[in-house]
Amino acid sequence: SDQTAEISVTIFPRLYRQIQQTLEKNKVYYCYGKIEKSNYNQELQLLAEECVRATDLEASTAKVCYLKITKENEKAEILNELKDVLKQFHGQTKVVLYYENNAQKIMLGSEFSVTESPVSQEQLGLLLGTGNVVFR
């Protein structure tokens, strides 16, 4: 609750590879993860599980991610991969699946809300096709 202190944030290689293209000096980031005492100096540190630029998070809160599921993508293997990608980029943006085959729309629960970022959009596009991923 002390808003004047600083804390060290540790970003491990897997997360760093995901966010390295969006990192900029002197920008504010929202990071969450686990707090623990450093083995090095016994000070508190944050072991980041996800980091998002604060302006991206703010912009994504009122948006919806629309994912078109084409007939070709309506396979259990692809839908399971989609579930994994959504969990990997968990955030505040609601997700709506549009099944092209029967014109059915399904809004997913908040456990599948996603962070809008260039990296998440790219990963979803690689899985479903770039034209099948829209943030509005």
Protein backbone atom coordinates (compact mmCIF):
# COMPACT_ATOMS: atom_id res chain seq x y z
CA SER A 1 0.00 0.00 0.00
CA ASP A 2 3.06 2.30 0.00
CA GLN A 3 2.76 4.08 -3.33
CA THR A 4 6.18 5.75 -3.13
CA ALA A 5 8.46 2.72 -3.01
CA GLU A 6 10.17 0.94 -5.87
CA ILE A 7 10.26 -2.77 -6.54
CA SER A 8 12.44 -4.84 -8.81
CA VAL A 9 10.62 -6.74 -11.58
CA THR A 10 12.13 -9.92 -12.97
CA ILE A 11 11.06 -10.90 -16.49
CA PHE A 12 12.12 -14.40 -17.48
CA PRO A 13 13.10 -15.28 -21.09
CA ARG A 14 9.74 -16.80 -22.14
CA LEU A 15 7.81 -13.63 -21.23
CA TYR A 16 10.59 -11.39 -22.53
CA ARG A 17 10.39 -13.02 -25.98
CA GLN A 18 6.64 -12.27 -26.02
CA ILE A 19 6.91 -8.61 -25.04
CA GLN A 20 10.37 -7.47 -26.16
CA GLN A 21 9.05 -5.65 -29.25
CA THR A 22 6.65 -3.56 -27.15
CA LEU A 23 9.08 -2.57 -24.37
CA GLU A 24 10.07 1.11 -24.32
CA LYS A 25 12.10 3.18 -21.87
CA ASN A 26 10.23 5.60 -19.58
CA LYS A 27 6.81 4.02 -20.22
CA VAL A 28 4.44 2.71 -17.57
CA TYR A 29 3.66 -1.02 -17.55
CA TYR A 30 1.11 -3.08 -15.69
CA CYS A 31 2.83 -6.26 -14.53
CA TYR A 32 1.45 -9.01 -12.39
CA GLY A 33 2.99 -12.12 -10.99
CA LYS A 34 4.38 -13.42 -7.71
CA ILE A 35 6.05 -11.37 -4.99
CA GLU A 36 8.98 -12.92 -3.16
CA LYS A 37 12.16 -11.94 -1.37
CA SER A 38 15.23 -11.80 -3.56
CA ASN A 39 17.91 -14.39 -2.81
CA TYR A 40 20.48 -11.74 -3.72
CA ASN A 41 19.56 -8.84 -1.40
CA GLN A 42 16.47 -10.07 0.52
CA GLU A 43 14.36 -7.20 -0.89
CA LEU A 44 10.90 -7.80 -2.33
CA GLN A 45 10.75 -8.43 -6.04
CA LEU A 46 7.99 -9.15 -8.56
CA LEU A 47 8.43 -12.27 -10.70
CA ALA A 48 6.39 -11.14 -13.70
CA GLU A 49 3.96 -13.53 -15.33
CA GLU A 50 2.59 -10.87 -17.69
CA CYS A 51 3.41 -7.25 -18.51
CA VAL A 52 1.29 -4.91 -20.58
CA ARG A 53 1.91 -1.28 -21.45
CA ALA A 54 -0.57 0.70 -19.33
CA THR A 55 -1.85 2.66 -22.33
CA ASP A 56 -2.60 -0.61 -24.17
CA LEU A 57 -4.48 -1.95 -21.16
CA GLU A 58 -6.47 1.26 -20.83
CA ALA A 59 -7.38 1.22 -24.53
CA SER A 60 -8.39 -2.45 -24.43
CA THR A 61 -10.88 -2.21 -21.57
CA ALA A 62 -13.77 -0.99 -23.73
CA LYS A 63 -13.00 -3.19 -26.71
CA VAL A 64 -14.09 -6.63 -27.81
CA CYS A 65 -11.99 -9.20 -29.65
CA TYR A 66 -13.98 -10.87 -32.43
CA LEU A 67 -12.61 -14.20 -33.65
CA LYS A 68 -14.11 -15.77 -36.75
CA ILE A 69 -14.02 -19.57 -36.65
CA THR A 70 -14.08 -20.72 -40.24
CA LYS A 71 -15.21 -24.19 -41.24
CA GLU A 72 -11.54 -25.14 -41.69
CA ASN A 73 -10.68 -23.94 -38.17
CA GLU A 74 -13.61 -25.65 -36.46
CA LYS A 75 -11.45 -28.57 -35.33
CA ALA A 76 -10.84 -29.65 -31.74
CA GLU A 77 -7.06 -29.32 -32.15
CA ILE A 78 -7.28 -25.70 -33.35
CA LEU A 79 -9.91 -24.75 -30.75
CA ASN A 80 -7.70 -26.21 -28.00
CA GLU A 81 -4.75 -24.19 -29.31
CA LEU A 82 -7.00 -21.10 -29.32
CA LYS A 83 -7.86 -21.73 -25.68
CA ASP A 84 -4.15 -21.91 -24.84
CA VAL A 85 -3.36 -18.67 -26.71
CA LEU A 86 -6.21 -16.84 -24.98
CA LYS A 87 -4.97 -18.02 -21.58
CA GLN A 88 -1.39 -17.07 -22.48
CA PHE A 89 -2.47 -13.49 -23.28
CA HIS A 90 -5.12 -13.19 -20.57
CA GLY A 91 -6.36 -9.63 -20.12
CA GLN A 92 -9.43 -7.40 -19.95
CA THR A 93 -10.80 -7.54 -23.53
CA LYS A 94 -13.87 -9.74 -23.90
CA VAL A 95 -13.75 -12.36 -26.66
CA VAL A 96 -16.60 -13.23 -29.03
CA LEU A 97 -16.36 -16.30 -31.25
CA TYR A 98 -18.25 -16.14 -34.54
CA TYR A 99 -18.78 -19.54 -36.11
CA GLU A 100 -18.97 -18.94 -39.86
CA ASN A 101 -20.56 -22.35 -40.53
CA ASN A 102 -23.82 -21.61 -38.66
CA ALA A 103 -23.55 -17.84 -37.94
CA GLN A 104 -23.51 -18.52 -34.19
CA LYS A 105 -21.91 -15.97 -31.84
CA ILE A 106 -20.61 -16.95 -28.41
CA MET A 107 -19.19 -14.53 -25.83
CA LEU A 108 -16.54 -16.32 -23.80
CA GLY A 109 -16.25 -15.99 -20.03
CA SER A 110 -13.78 -13.60 -18.41
CA GLU A 111 -11.26 -16.43 -17.93
CA PHE A 112 -10.74 -16.20 -21.71
CA SER A 113 -10.58 -12.40 -21.94
CA VAL A 114 -7.46 -11.33 -23.79
CA THR A 115 -4.96 -8.48 -23.81
CA GLU A 116 -4.95 -6.49 -27.01
CA SER A 117 -1.35 -6.20 -28.11
CA PRO A 118 0.56 -6.64 -31.37
CA VAL A 119 1.92 -9.95 -30.06
CA SER A 120 -1.46 -11.39 -29.04
CA GLN A 121 -3.04 -10.25 -32.31
CA GLU A 122 -0.19 -11.85 -34.27
CA GLN A 123 -0.50 -15.17 -32.39
CA LEU A 124 -4.27 -15.28 -32.88
CA GLY A 125 -3.81 -14.38 -36.55
CA LEU A 126 -1.27 -17.16 -37.06
CA LEU A 127 -3.75 -19.65 -35.63
CA LEU A 128 -7.01 -18.46 -37.22
CA GLY A 129 -5.85 -16.31 -40.12
CA THR A 130 -5.10 -12.59 -39.91
CA GLY A 131 -8.46 -11.54 -41.37
CA ASN A 132 -10.29 -13.57 -38.74
CA VAL A 133 -9.08 -11.50 -35.74
CA VAL A 134 -10.62 -8.07 -35.07
CA PHE A 135 -10.34 -5.84 -32.01
CA ARG A 136 -13.10 -3.18 -31.81
